[in-house]
């Protein structure tokens, strides 16, 4: 392939990308509105995987001429349907909830690092200190607790 083919392969490819892109976008928005706000939440790692996978499907529909728009819509519907089923199930059964969501972990308690939790969760004291500073504290002693949330974020609750 010469350089001109790498830069421009013709108007039909551009037209397909624009048309399929617009239709895929509309389809994705419709599916997301039907499935509810939870589909794109970032409450845990499972939710993040679904969000990334939806983006990957959209990119594939747009750029891979071997994937028809209808196939992409089925992929969206399948992934969003599975996300809905798992979240619906996790509300009703604890064993499903435990399988798809991590539990929060206390990393600092009463200003002192919980070494075992820091090691298990692979978080440094400096990262915990950063959460304390974000909350308005100066050092770990200012923290009542620092929690690694199930979505991977750090929350610091300062002492009164």
N, C-alpha and C. Protein backbone atom coordinates (compact mmCIF):
# COMPACT_ATOMS: atom_id res chain seq x y z
N UNK A 1 0.85 -1.17 0.00
CA UNK A 1 0.00 0.00 0.00
C UNK A 1 0.90 1.24 0.00
N UNK A 2 0.66 2.12 -0.94
CA UNK A 2 1.47 3.34 -0.98
C UNK A 2 0.92 4.38 0.01
N UNK A 3 1.65 5.46 0.16
CA UNK A 3 1.30 6.48 1.16
C UNK A 3 -0.05 7.13 0.88
N UNK A 4 -0.40 7.31 -0.36
CA UNK A 4 -1.69 7.94 -0.67
C UNK A 4 -2.85 7.04 -0.25
N UNK A 5 -2.68 5.72 -0.36
CA UNK A 5 -3.71 4.78 0.08
C UNK A 5 -3.83 4.76 1.61
N UNK A 6 -2.71 5.03 2.31
CA UNK A 6 -2.78 5.08 3.76
C UNK A 6 -3.52 6.33 4.24
N UNK A 7 -3.48 7.40 3.47
CA UNK A 7 -4.11 8.64 3.87
C UNK A 7 -5.55 8.78 3.39
N UNK A 8 -5.86 8.21 2.24
CA UNK A 8 -7.20 8.37 1.68
C UNK A 8 -7.51 7.20 0.78
N UNK A 9 -8.59 6.48 1.09
CA UNK A 9 -8.94 5.30 0.31
C UNK A 9 -10.22 5.47 -0.50
N UNK A 10 -10.72 6.66 -0.55
CA UNK A 10 -11.89 6.92 -1.37
C UNK A 10 -13.06 7.44 -0.56
N UNK A 11 -13.99 8.03 -1.30
CA UNK A 11 -15.15 8.65 -0.67
C UNK A 11 -16.13 7.64 -0.10
N UNK A 12 -16.21 6.46 -0.68
CA UNK A 12 -17.20 5.48 -0.20
C UNK A 12 -16.89 5.05 1.24
N UNK A 13 -15.63 4.89 1.56
CA UNK A 13 -15.25 4.54 2.93
C UNK A 13 -15.61 5.64 3.92
N UNK A 14 -15.38 6.89 3.51
CA UNK A 14 -15.73 8.01 4.37
C UNK A 14 -17.24 8.11 4.56
N UNK A 15 -17.98 7.90 3.47
CA UNK A 15 -19.44 7.97 3.56
C UNK A 15 -19.97 6.85 4.46
N UNK A 16 -19.42 5.63 4.32
CA UNK A 16 -19.85 4.52 5.17
C UNK A 16 -19.58 4.83 6.63
N UNK A 17 -18.38 5.33 6.94
CA UNK A 17 -18.03 5.65 8.31
C UNK A 17 -18.97 6.70 8.90
N UNK A 18 -19.27 7.73 8.13
CA UNK A 18 -20.16 8.79 8.61
C UNK A 18 -21.58 8.27 8.83
N UNK A 19 -22.11 7.52 7.87
CA UNK A 19 -23.48 7.03 7.97
C UNK A 19 -23.60 5.98 9.08
N UNK A 20 -22.74 4.99 9.06
CA UNK A 20 -22.80 3.93 10.06
C UNK A 20 -22.49 4.51 11.44
N UNK A 21 -21.56 5.45 11.51
CA UNK A 21 -21.23 6.08 12.78
C UNK A 21 -22.42 6.81 13.38
N UNK A 22 -23.12 7.57 12.57
CA UNK A 22 -24.29 8.29 13.06
C UNK A 22 -25.38 7.32 13.51
N UNK A 23 -25.64 6.30 12.73
CA UNK A 23 -26.67 5.33 13.08
C UNK A 23 -26.28 4.51 14.33
N UNK A 24 -25.02 4.12 14.41
CA UNK A 24 -24.55 3.36 15.57
C UNK A 24 -24.64 4.22 16.83
N UNK A 25 -24.29 5.49 16.71
CA UNK A 25 -24.37 6.41 17.84
C UNK A 25 -25.81 6.53 18.33
N UNK A 26 -26.73 6.74 17.41
CA UNK A 26 -28.14 6.85 17.78
C UNK A 26 -28.61 5.54 18.44
N UNK A 27 -28.24 4.41 17.85
CA UNK A 27 -28.62 3.12 18.42
C UNK A 27 -28.07 2.93 19.82
N UNK A 28 -26.82 3.29 20.03
CA UNK A 28 -26.21 3.15 21.35
C UNK A 28 -26.92 4.04 22.36
N UNK A 29 -27.20 5.28 21.99
CA UNK A 29 -27.89 6.19 22.90
C UNK A 29 -29.27 5.63 23.26
N UNK A 30 -30.00 5.10 22.29
CA UNK A 30 -31.32 4.52 22.56
C UNK A 30 -31.19 3.35 23.53
N UNK A 31 -30.26 2.45 23.26
CA UNK A 31 -30.06 1.30 24.15
C UNK A 31 -29.71 1.76 25.57
N UNK A 32 -28.82 2.75 25.68
CA UNK A 32 -28.42 3.23 27.00
C UNK A 32 -29.57 3.89 27.74
N UNK A 33 -30.40 4.64 27.03
CA UNK A 33 -31.57 5.27 27.67
C UNK A 33 -32.56 4.20 28.13
N UNK A 34 -32.73 3.15 27.34
CA UNK A 34 -33.66 2.08 27.73
C UNK A 34 -33.15 1.29 28.93
N UNK A 35 -31.85 1.12 29.01
CA UNK A 35 -31.29 0.28 30.06
C UNK A 35 -31.10 1.02 31.39
N UNK A 36 -31.10 2.33 31.38
CA UNK A 36 -31.00 3.08 32.63
C UNK A 36 -29.59 3.58 32.91
N UNK A 37 -29.51 4.43 33.91
CA UNK A 37 -28.25 5.11 34.25
C UNK A 37 -27.16 4.16 34.72
N UNK A 38 -27.53 3.06 35.31
CA UNK A 38 -26.56 2.15 35.89
C UNK A 38 -25.62 1.54 34.85
N UNK A 39 -26.06 1.44 33.60
CA UNK A 39 -25.26 0.77 32.58
C UNK A 39 -23.88 1.41 32.43
N UNK A 40 -23.79 2.73 32.51
CA UNK A 40 -22.50 3.40 32.36
C UNK A 40 -21.94 3.90 33.68
N UNK A 41 -22.43 3.38 34.79
CA UNK A 41 -21.88 3.81 36.07
C UNK A 41 -20.48 3.26 36.23
N UNK A 42 -19.77 3.81 37.17
CA UNK A 42 -18.42 3.32 37.45
C UNK A 42 -18.35 2.87 38.90
N UNK A 43 -19.30 2.03 39.30
CA UNK A 43 -19.37 1.61 40.68
C UNK A 43 -18.36 0.52 41.02
N UNK A 44 -17.92 -0.23 40.03
CA UNK A 44 -16.95 -1.29 40.29
C UNK A 44 -16.24 -1.66 38.99
N UNK A 45 -15.31 -2.60 39.08
CA UNK A 45 -14.52 -2.99 37.91
C UNK A 45 -15.40 -3.58 36.81
N UNK A 46 -16.43 -4.31 37.18
CA UNK A 46 -17.34 -4.90 36.20
C UNK A 46 -17.98 -3.81 35.35
N UNK A 47 -18.42 -2.72 35.98
CA UNK A 47 -19.03 -1.61 35.25
C UNK A 47 -18.04 -0.97 34.29
N UNK A 48 -16.79 -0.83 34.73
CA UNK A 48 -15.75 -0.26 33.87
C UNK A 48 -15.53 -1.13 32.64
N UNK A 49 -15.50 -2.43 32.82
CA UNK A 49 -15.30 -3.35 31.68
C UNK A 49 -16.43 -3.19 30.67
N UNK A 50 -17.65 -3.07 31.13
CA UNK A 50 -18.79 -2.89 30.22
C UNK A 50 -18.66 -1.59 29.45
N UNK A 51 -18.28 -0.52 30.12
CA UNK A 51 -18.12 0.78 29.46
C UNK A 51 -17.04 0.71 28.38
N UNK A 52 -15.91 0.11 28.70
CA UNK A 52 -14.82 -0.02 27.72
C UNK A 52 -15.26 -0.90 26.56
N UNK A 53 -15.96 -1.99 26.86
CA UNK A 53 -16.41 -2.89 25.80
C UNK A 53 -17.40 -2.20 24.86
N UNK A 54 -18.28 -1.37 25.39
CA UNK A 54 -19.20 -0.62 24.52
C UNK A 54 -18.43 0.29 23.58
N UNK A 55 -17.41 0.95 24.08
CA UNK A 55 -16.57 1.80 23.23
C UNK A 55 -15.86 0.99 22.15
N UNK A 56 -15.38 -0.18 22.52
CA UNK A 56 -14.71 -1.05 21.56
C UNK A 56 -15.67 -1.52 20.47
N UNK A 57 -16.88 -1.85 20.86
CA UNK A 57 -17.89 -2.26 19.87
C UNK A 57 -18.18 -1.11 18.92
N UNK A 58 -18.35 0.09 19.46
CA UNK A 58 -18.62 1.25 18.62
C UNK A 58 -17.49 1.48 17.62
N UNK A 59 -16.24 1.40 18.09
CA UNK A 59 -15.10 1.58 17.19
C UNK A 59 -15.06 0.51 16.11
N UNK A 60 -15.38 -0.72 16.47
CA UNK A 60 -15.38 -1.80 15.49
C UNK A 60 -16.45 -1.58 14.43
N UNK A 61 -17.64 -1.17 14.87
CA UNK A 61 -18.72 -0.90 13.91
C UNK A 61 -18.30 0.20 12.93
N UNK A 62 -17.66 1.23 13.48
CA UNK A 62 -17.26 2.38 12.65
C UNK A 62 -16.17 2.05 11.64
N UNK A 63 -15.18 1.29 12.08
CA UNK A 63 -13.96 1.16 11.28
C UNK A 63 -13.78 -0.17 10.57
N UNK A 64 -14.56 -1.17 10.93
CA UNK A 64 -14.40 -2.48 10.30
C UNK A 64 -15.55 -2.71 9.33
N UNK A 65 -15.25 -2.67 8.06
CA UNK A 65 -16.28 -2.83 7.04
C UNK A 65 -16.88 -4.24 7.02
N UNK A 66 -16.21 -5.19 7.66
CA UNK A 66 -16.74 -6.55 7.73
C UNK A 66 -17.84 -6.70 8.78
N UNK A 67 -18.04 -5.69 9.60
CA UNK A 67 -19.07 -5.74 10.64
C UNK A 67 -20.23 -4.85 10.20
N UNK A 68 -21.37 -5.47 9.98
CA UNK A 68 -22.56 -4.72 9.57
C UNK A 68 -23.16 -3.99 10.76
N UNK A 69 -23.86 -2.92 10.48
CA UNK A 69 -24.51 -2.14 11.53
C UNK A 69 -25.43 -3.02 12.37
N UNK A 70 -26.19 -3.90 11.74
CA UNK A 70 -27.11 -4.78 12.48
C UNK A 70 -26.34 -5.67 13.46
N UNK A 71 -25.20 -6.18 13.06
CA UNK A 71 -24.39 -7.00 13.95
C UNK A 71 -23.90 -6.18 15.15
N UNK A 72 -23.51 -4.96 14.89
CA UNK A 72 -23.08 -4.08 15.97
C UNK A 72 -24.21 -3.77 16.94
N UNK A 73 -25.42 -3.56 16.41
CA UNK A 73 -26.57 -3.30 17.28
C UNK A 73 -26.87 -4.51 18.16
N UNK A 74 -26.73 -5.71 17.58
CA UNK A 74 -26.93 -6.93 18.37
C UNK A 74 -25.86 -7.04 19.45
N UNK A 75 -24.64 -6.66 19.12
CA UNK A 75 -23.55 -6.68 20.12
C UNK A 75 -23.86 -5.70 21.25
N UNK A 76 -24.30 -4.48 20.91
CA UNK A 76 -24.70 -3.52 21.94
C UNK A 76 -25.81 -4.09 22.82
N UNK A 77 -26.85 -4.60 22.18
CA UNK A 77 -28.01 -5.12 22.92
C UNK A 77 -27.60 -6.28 23.82
N UNK A 78 -26.74 -7.16 23.32
CA UNK A 78 -26.29 -8.30 24.12
C UNK A 78 -25.52 -7.84 25.35
N UNK A 79 -24.56 -6.96 25.15
CA UNK A 79 -23.73 -6.49 26.26
C UNK A 79 -24.56 -5.71 27.28
N UNK A 80 -25.42 -4.83 26.80
CA UNK A 80 -26.25 -4.04 27.71
C UNK A 80 -27.27 -4.94 28.40
N UNK A 81 -27.81 -5.91 27.69
CA UNK A 81 -28.74 -6.86 28.31
C UNK A 81 -28.07 -7.68 29.40
N UNK A 82 -26.85 -8.13 29.14
CA UNK A 82 -26.13 -8.89 30.16
C UNK A 82 -25.80 -8.00 31.37
N UNK A 83 -25.41 -6.75 31.11
CA UNK A 83 -25.14 -5.80 32.20
C UNK A 83 -26.40 -5.61 33.05
N UNK A 84 -27.53 -5.45 32.38
CA UNK A 84 -28.79 -5.28 33.09
C UNK A 84 -29.11 -6.51 33.93
N UNK A 85 -28.94 -7.69 33.35
CA UNK A 85 -29.24 -8.93 34.07
C UNK A 85 -28.34 -9.12 35.28
N UNK A 86 -27.07 -8.81 35.13
CA UNK A 86 -26.14 -8.98 36.25
C UNK A 86 -26.45 -7.97 37.36
N UNK A 87 -26.71 -6.71 37.00
CA UNK A 87 -27.00 -5.72 38.05
C UNK A 87 -28.34 -6.02 38.71
N UNK A 88 -29.32 -6.46 37.94
CA UNK A 88 -30.63 -6.84 38.49
C UNK A 88 -30.44 -7.99 39.48
N UNK A 89 -29.64 -8.97 39.08
CA UNK A 89 -29.38 -10.13 39.94
C UNK A 89 -28.59 -9.75 41.18
N UNK A 90 -27.65 -8.82 41.04
CA UNK A 90 -26.82 -8.45 42.18
C UNK A 90 -27.61 -7.72 43.26
N UNK A 91 -28.70 -7.09 42.88
CA UNK A 91 -29.57 -6.44 43.87
C UNK A 91 -30.35 -7.49 44.65
N UNK A 92 -30.66 -8.60 44.02
CA UNK A 92 -31.51 -9.61 44.63
C UNK A 92 -30.75 -10.73 45.36
N UNK A 93 -29.54 -11.05 44.92
CA UNK A 93 -28.81 -12.16 45.51
C UNK A 93 -27.40 -11.73 45.91
N UNK A 94 -27.07 -11.93 47.15
CA UNK A 94 -25.77 -11.52 47.68
C UNK A 94 -24.62 -12.25 46.99
N UNK A 95 -24.81 -13.52 46.63
CA UNK A 95 -23.72 -14.27 46.01
C UNK A 95 -23.36 -13.69 44.65
N UNK A 96 -24.34 -13.15 43.91
CA UNK A 96 -24.04 -12.48 42.64
C UNK A 96 -23.32 -11.17 42.92
N UNK A 97 -23.82 -10.43 43.89
CA UNK A 97 -23.21 -9.14 44.26
C UNK A 97 -21.74 -9.33 44.64
N UNK A 98 -21.45 -10.35 45.45
CA UNK A 98 -20.06 -10.61 45.84
C UNK A 98 -19.20 -10.98 44.64
N UNK A 99 -19.80 -11.65 43.66
CA UNK A 99 -19.03 -12.08 42.49
C UNK A 99 -18.65 -10.95 41.54
N UNK A 100 -19.44 -9.88 41.49
CA UNK A 100 -19.17 -8.83 40.51
C UNK A 100 -18.63 -7.54 41.12
N UNK A 101 -18.63 -7.46 42.43
CA UNK A 101 -18.23 -6.20 43.05
C UNK A 101 -17.27 -6.50 44.18
N UNK A 102 -16.24 -5.71 44.27
CA UNK A 102 -15.32 -5.84 45.38
C UNK A 102 -15.85 -5.10 46.60
N UNK A 103 -15.39 -5.50 47.75
CA UNK A 103 -15.77 -4.81 48.98
C UNK A 103 -14.78 -3.69 49.26
N UNK A 104 -15.26 -2.60 49.86
CA UNK A 104 -14.33 -1.54 50.25
C UNK A 104 -13.33 -2.08 51.28
N UNK A 105 -12.15 -1.46 51.31
CA UNK A 105 -11.11 -1.89 52.26
C UNK A 105 -10.61 -0.67 53.02
N UNK A 106 -10.50 -0.81 54.35
CA UNK A 106 -9.95 0.26 55.19
C UNK A 106 -8.43 0.18 55.12
N UNK A 107 -7.81 1.26 54.66
CA UNK A 107 -6.36 1.30 54.49
C UNK A 107 -5.66 2.06 55.62
N UNK A 108 -6.38 3.01 56.21
CA UNK A 108 -5.85 3.78 57.34
C UNK A 108 -6.97 3.85 58.37
N UNK A 109 -6.63 3.57 59.61
CA UNK A 109 -7.62 3.66 60.70
C UNK A 109 -6.99 4.45 61.84
N UNK A 110 -7.70 5.48 62.30
CA UNK A 110 -7.23 6.34 63.39
C UNK A 110 -5.83 6.88 63.12
N UNK A 111 -5.59 7.28 61.89
CA UNK A 111 -4.33 7.91 61.52
C UNK A 111 -3.18 6.95 61.28
N UNK A 112 -3.41 5.64 61.49
CA UNK A 112 -2.34 4.67 61.31
C UNK A 112 -2.61 3.77 60.11
N UNK A 113 -1.60 3.55 59.28
CA UNK A 113 -1.77 2.67 58.12
C UNK A 113 -2.09 1.24 58.57
N UNK A 114 -2.98 0.60 57.83
CA UNK A 114 -3.27 -0.82 58.05
C UNK A 114 -2.41 -1.56 57.02
N UNK A 115 -1.23 -1.96 57.47
CA UNK A 115 -0.21 -2.49 56.56
C UNK A 115 -0.70 -3.67 55.73
N UNK A 116 -1.40 -4.60 56.36
CA UNK A 116 -1.87 -5.78 55.63
C UNK A 116 -2.83 -5.38 54.50
N UNK A 117 -3.71 -4.43 54.78
CA UNK A 117 -4.66 -3.98 53.76
C UNK A 117 -3.94 -3.23 52.64
N UNK A 118 -2.98 -2.39 52.98
CA UNK A 118 -2.22 -1.67 51.96
C UNK A 118 -1.52 -2.65 51.02
N UNK A 119 -0.90 -3.68 51.59
CA UNK A 119 -0.20 -4.67 50.76
C UNK A 119 -1.18 -5.47 49.91
N UNK A 120 -2.26 -5.94 50.53
CA UNK A 120 -3.26 -6.75 49.82
C UNK A 120 -3.87 -5.97 48.65
N UNK A 121 -4.14 -4.69 48.86
CA UNK A 121 -4.80 -3.88 47.83
C UNK A 121 -3.79 -3.17 46.91
N UNK A 122 -2.49 -3.35 47.19
CA UNK A 122 -1.41 -2.76 46.38
C UNK A 122 -1.53 -1.24 46.30
N UNK A 123 -1.70 -0.62 47.48
CA UNK A 123 -1.78 0.84 47.60
C UNK A 123 -0.65 1.29 48.50
N UNK A 124 0.02 2.37 48.12
CA UNK A 124 1.12 2.89 48.93
C UNK A 124 0.58 3.88 49.96
N UNK A 125 1.38 4.11 51.01
CA UNK A 125 1.02 5.12 52.00
C UNK A 125 0.91 6.50 51.35
N UNK A 126 1.77 6.77 50.37
CA UNK A 126 1.71 8.06 49.68
C UNK A 126 0.38 8.26 48.96
N UNK A 127 -0.17 7.19 48.38
CA UNK A 127 -1.47 7.29 47.73
C UNK A 127 -2.57 7.55 48.75
N UNK A 128 -2.48 6.90 49.90
CA UNK A 128 -3.45 7.15 50.97
C UNK A 128 -3.31 8.59 51.47
N UNK A 129 -2.08 9.06 51.61
CA UNK A 129 -1.84 10.44 52.04
C UNK A 129 -2.42 11.43 51.03
N UNK A 130 -2.31 11.12 49.76
CA UNK A 130 -2.89 11.99 48.73
C UNK A 130 -4.40 12.13 48.93
N UNK A 131 -5.08 11.04 49.27
CA UNK A 131 -6.52 11.10 49.52
C UNK A 131 -6.82 11.97 50.74
N UNK A 132 -5.96 11.88 51.77
CA UNK A 132 -6.14 12.71 52.95
C UNK A 132 -5.98 14.18 52.59
N UNK A 133 -4.96 14.49 51.80
CA UNK A 133 -4.76 15.89 51.38
C UNK A 133 -5.92 16.37 50.53
N UNK A 134 -6.44 15.52 49.65
CA UNK A 134 -7.61 15.91 48.84
C UNK A 134 -8.80 16.25 49.71
N UNK A 135 -8.90 15.60 50.87
CA UNK A 135 -10.01 15.86 51.78
C UNK A 135 -9.75 17.05 52.71
N UNK A 136 -8.54 17.62 52.62
CA UNK A 136 -8.23 18.80 53.43
C UNK A 136 -7.32 18.54 54.61
N UNK A 137 -6.82 17.33 54.73
CA UNK A 137 -5.90 17.01 55.83
C UNK A 137 -4.46 17.25 55.44
N UNK A 138 -3.58 17.22 56.44
CA UNK A 138 -2.15 17.46 56.18
C UNK A 138 -1.33 16.18 56.20
N UNK A 139 -1.71 15.23 57.04
CA UNK A 139 -0.96 13.99 57.15
C UNK A 139 -1.91 12.86 57.52
N UNK A 140 -1.39 11.64 57.57
CA UNK A 140 -2.25 10.49 57.85
C UNK A 140 -2.92 10.59 59.23
N UNK A 141 -2.26 11.24 60.18
CA UNK A 141 -2.84 11.38 61.51
C UNK A 141 -4.14 12.19 61.49
N UNK A 142 -4.36 12.95 60.43
CA UNK A 142 -5.60 13.73 60.30
C UNK A 142 -6.78 12.85 59.90
N UNK A 143 -6.50 11.63 59.49
CA UNK A 143 -7.56 10.75 58.96
C UNK A 143 -8.14 9.85 60.04
N UNK A 144 -9.45 9.82 60.09
CA UNK A 144 -10.12 8.79 60.89
C UNK A 144 -9.99 7.47 60.15
N UNK A 145 -10.34 7.49 58.85
CA UNK A 145 -10.14 6.32 57.98
C UNK A 145 -9.82 6.79 56.57
N UNK A 146 -9.12 5.94 55.84
CA UNK A 146 -8.97 6.05 54.39
C UNK A 146 -9.46 4.73 53.84
N UNK A 147 -10.40 4.83 52.91
CA UNK A 147 -11.06 3.63 52.38
C UNK A 147 -10.78 3.51 50.89
N UNK A 148 -10.40 2.31 50.46
CA UNK A 148 -10.33 2.00 49.03
C UNK A 148 -11.72 1.50 48.66
N UNK A 149 -12.44 2.31 47.87
CA UNK A 149 -13.82 1.99 47.51
C UNK A 149 -13.85 0.87 46.47
N UNK A 150 -15.03 0.29 46.29
CA UNK A 150 -15.16 -0.82 45.35
C UNK A 150 -14.91 -0.40 43.91
N UNK A 151 -14.98 0.91 43.61
CA UNK A 151 -14.70 1.39 42.25
C UNK A 151 -13.23 1.76 42.06
N UNK A 152 -12.40 1.56 43.10
CA UNK A 152 -10.97 1.84 43.00
C UNK A 152 -10.58 3.23 43.47
N UNK A 153 -11.53 4.06 43.82
CA UNK A 153 -11.20 5.41 44.30
C UNK A 153 -10.89 5.35 45.80
N UNK A 154 -10.17 6.37 46.26
CA UNK A 154 -9.82 6.46 47.68
C UNK A 154 -10.67 7.55 48.32
N UNK A 155 -11.23 7.24 49.49
CA UNK A 155 -12.02 8.19 50.26
C UNK A 155 -11.35 8.37 51.61
N UNK A 156 -11.11 9.61 52.00
CA UNK A 156 -10.57 9.90 53.32
C UNK A 156 -11.62 10.62 54.14
N UNK A 157 -11.84 10.11 55.34
CA UNK A 157 -12.74 10.76 56.30
C UNK A 157 -11.85 11.28 57.41
N UNK A 158 -11.86 12.59 57.57
CA UNK A 158 -10.96 13.23 58.53
C UNK A 158 -11.54 13.17 59.94
N UNK A 159 -10.64 13.21 60.93
CA UNK A 159 -11.06 13.28 62.33
C UNK A 159 -11.72 14.62 62.59
N UNK A 160 -12.58 14.64 63.57
CA UNK A 160 -13.23 15.91 63.93
C UNK A 160 -12.32 16.72 64.79
